[in-house]
Amino acid sequence: NLVVLRTFSKCAALAGMRVGYGAFPLGMIDYLWRAKQPYNVSVAAEVAACAALTNMPYLNEVRDALLSERERLFEQLQNISWLKPYPSQANFILCKVLEGRDAKGVKDSLAQAGIMVRHYAKKELSGYIRISVGKPEQTDLLMAALRAL
């Protein structure tokens, strides 16, 4: 059995709408309905997702912009000596924090500048931050803040 779940957060620029879809064998539907909360997708999110699905040129434009910005972000992160970014096919880049710096401290310092990154307390990802790919102007603000740390 294979279950594929996708979000519209990046592919349709609908972050915050909390909408997505799943593809799975029909025989699993009874089990999935048991876990589904009633009214878990707002009307606005449903309308936005349906509109996005009817506009493939828009979805392709958003995808291409995301791919381009992810590449640019990765290249720029490689220039921060105390970060080791890992190649990514996702809408974020995982970075190991080096040179004795504290990953949570980096996250907290960026938060004070209004920039949110993900920090993990779990042992397996301790010392890492996850940076979401955003718009070019957001990348520019992030990079300026990282260089200032």
Protein backbone atom coordinates (compact mmCIF):
# COMPACT_ATOMS: atom_id res chain seq x y z
CA ASN A 1 0.00 0.00 0.00
CA LEU A 2 1.22 3.44 -0.91
CA VAL A 3 -0.17 6.74 0.36
CA VAL A 4 0.94 10.02 -1.23
CA LEU A 5 0.04 13.26 0.54
CA ARG A 6 0.59 16.70 -0.97
CA THR A 7 0.08 20.19 0.35
CA PHE A 8 -0.93 23.27 -1.62
CA SER A 9 1.29 25.43 0.60
CA LYS A 10 4.07 25.95 -1.92
CA CYS A 11 2.84 24.44 -5.19
CA ALA A 12 -0.12 26.81 -5.31
CA ALA A 13 1.23 29.53 -2.99
CA LEU A 14 -1.54 28.72 -0.49
CA ALA A 15 0.55 28.51 2.67
CA GLY A 16 -1.58 29.06 5.72
CA MET A 17 -4.72 27.71 4.06
CA ARG A 18 -3.89 24.23 5.40
CA VAL A 19 -5.20 22.39 2.36
CA GLY A 20 -3.85 19.45 0.41
CA TYR A 21 -4.82 16.10 -1.02
CA GLY A 22 -3.97 12.44 -0.85
CA ALA A 23 -3.77 9.58 -3.31
CA PHE A 24 -4.18 6.09 -1.90
CA PRO A 25 -5.80 2.73 -2.61
CA LEU A 26 -9.60 2.93 -2.49
CA GLY A 27 -9.67 0.13 0.09
CA MET A 28 -8.08 2.48 2.66
CA ILE A 29 -10.87 5.08 2.57
CA ASP A 30 -12.83 3.57 5.47
CA TYR A 31 -9.78 3.78 7.74
CA LEU A 32 -8.94 7.31 6.64
CA TRP A 33 -12.47 8.59 7.22
CA ARG A 34 -12.23 7.39 10.84
CA ALA A 35 -9.24 9.67 11.43
CA LYS A 36 -10.57 12.69 9.51
CA GLN A 37 -11.91 15.52 11.61
CA PRO A 38 -15.23 17.05 10.55
CA TYR A 39 -14.96 20.33 8.67
CA ASN A 40 -11.17 20.29 8.72
CA VAL A 41 -10.87 22.31 5.49
CA SER A 42 -12.37 25.79 5.40
CA VAL A 43 -14.58 26.94 2.56
CA ALA A 44 -11.98 29.55 1.59
CA ALA A 45 -9.25 26.90 1.43
CA GLU A 46 -11.44 24.60 -0.67
CA VAL A 47 -12.32 27.37 -3.12
CA ALA A 48 -8.67 28.45 -3.40
CA ALA A 49 -7.47 24.88 -3.99
CA CYS A 50 -10.13 24.21 -6.64
CA ALA A 51 -9.28 27.49 -8.38
CA ALA A 52 -5.58 26.62 -8.35
CA LEU A 53 -6.26 23.20 -9.87
CA THR A 54 -8.09 24.81 -12.79
CA ASN A 55 -5.15 27.12 -13.56
CA MET A 56 -2.20 24.94 -14.57
CA PRO A 57 -0.19 27.84 -16.06
CA TYR A 58 -0.31 29.51 -12.63
CA LEU A 59 0.74 26.30 -10.85
CA ASN A 60 3.63 25.89 -13.29
CA GLU A 61 4.69 29.50 -12.73
CA VAL A 62 4.67 29.06 -8.95
CA ARG A 63 6.63 25.79 -9.26
CA ASP A 64 9.24 27.33 -11.54
CA ALA A 65 9.68 30.31 -9.21
CA LEU A 66 10.09 27.98 -6.22
CA LEU A 67 12.68 25.84 -8.01
CA SER A 68 14.64 28.88 -9.11
CA GLU A 69 14.59 30.46 -5.65
CA ARG A 70 15.55 27.18 -3.97
CA GLU A 71 18.64 26.99 -6.18
CA ARG A 72 19.55 30.62 -5.43
CA LEU A 73 19.01 30.12 -1.69
CA PHE A 74 21.15 26.97 -1.66
CA GLU A 75 24.00 28.75 -3.47
CA GLN A 76 23.90 31.67 -1.05
CA LEU A 77 23.72 29.44 2.03
CA GLN A 78 26.91 27.73 0.88
CA ASN A 79 28.68 31.09 1.37
CA ILE A 80 27.88 31.15 5.11
CA SER A 81 30.96 29.47 6.61
CA TRP A 82 29.16 28.16 9.68
CA LEU A 83 26.29 26.53 7.77
CA LYS A 84 26.36 23.32 5.75
CA PRO A 85 23.27 23.26 3.52
CA TYR A 86 22.19 19.93 2.07
CA PRO A 87 20.85 19.62 -1.48
CA SER A 88 17.08 19.45 -1.48
CA GLN A 89 14.17 18.52 -3.70
CA ALA A 90 11.71 19.91 -1.16
CA ASN A 91 10.46 23.42 -0.41
CA PHE A 92 13.08 23.81 2.30
CA ILE A 93 16.81 23.38 2.81
CA LEU A 94 18.21 21.55 5.82
CA CYS A 95 21.39 23.11 7.20
CA LYS A 96 23.86 21.82 9.77
CA VAL A 97 25.04 24.59 12.08
CA LEU A 98 28.85 24.43 12.43
CA GLU A 99 31.76 26.14 14.17
CA GLY A 100 30.42 25.64 17.67
CA ARG A 101 27.32 27.72 17.05
CA ASP A 102 24.05 26.66 18.62
CA ALA A 103 21.22 25.88 16.18
CA LYS A 104 18.55 27.06 18.61
CA GLY A 105 20.52 30.24 19.20
CA VAL A 106 20.60 30.87 15.44
CA LYS A 107 16.86 30.26 15.24
CA ASP A 108 16.21 32.61 18.18
CA SER A 109 18.44 35.36 16.75
CA LEU A 110 16.71 35.14 13.39
CA ALA A 111 13.30 35.23 15.10
CA GLN A 112 14.28 38.52 16.76
CA ALA A 113 14.84 39.85 13.25
CA GLY A 114 11.38 38.63 12.21
CA ILE A 115 12.71 35.61 10.30
CA MET A 116 11.33 32.21 11.18
CA VAL A 117 13.32 29.02 10.61
CA ARG A 118 12.74 25.57 12.05
CA HIS A 119 14.96 24.16 14.79
CA TYR A 120 14.77 20.58 15.97
CA ALA A 121 15.24 19.48 19.58
CA LYS A 122 15.30 15.78 18.68
CA LYS A 123 18.68 14.11 19.01
CA GLU A 124 18.78 13.04 15.34
CA LEU A 125 18.48 16.60 14.07
CA SER A 126 20.06 18.46 16.94
CA GLY A 127 22.37 21.08 15.50
CA TYR A 128 20.29 21.61 12.35
CA ILE A 129 17.92 24.29 11.12
CA ARG A 130 15.39 24.03 8.31
CA ILE A 131 14.96 27.05 6.08
CA SER A 132 11.84 27.28 3.91
CA VAL A 133 12.16 28.63 0.40
CA GLY A 134 10.33 31.92 0.05
CA LYS A 135 10.25 34.86 -2.30
CA PRO A 136 13.49 36.49 -3.50
CA GLU A 137 13.06 39.45 -1.17
CA GLN A 138 12.65 37.05 1.77
CA THR A 139 15.84 35.24 0.78
CA ASP A 140 17.64 38.59 0.68
CA LEU A 141 16.45 39.48 4.20
CA LEU A 142 17.43 36.03 5.50
CA MET A 143 20.90 36.21 3.99
CA ALA A 144 21.51 39.69 5.41
CA ALA A 145 20.47 38.47 8.85
CA LEU A 146 22.66 35.37 8.62
CA ARG A 147 25.69 37.43 7.58
CA ALA A 148 25.07 39.73 10.57
CA LEU A 149 25.19 36.85 13.08
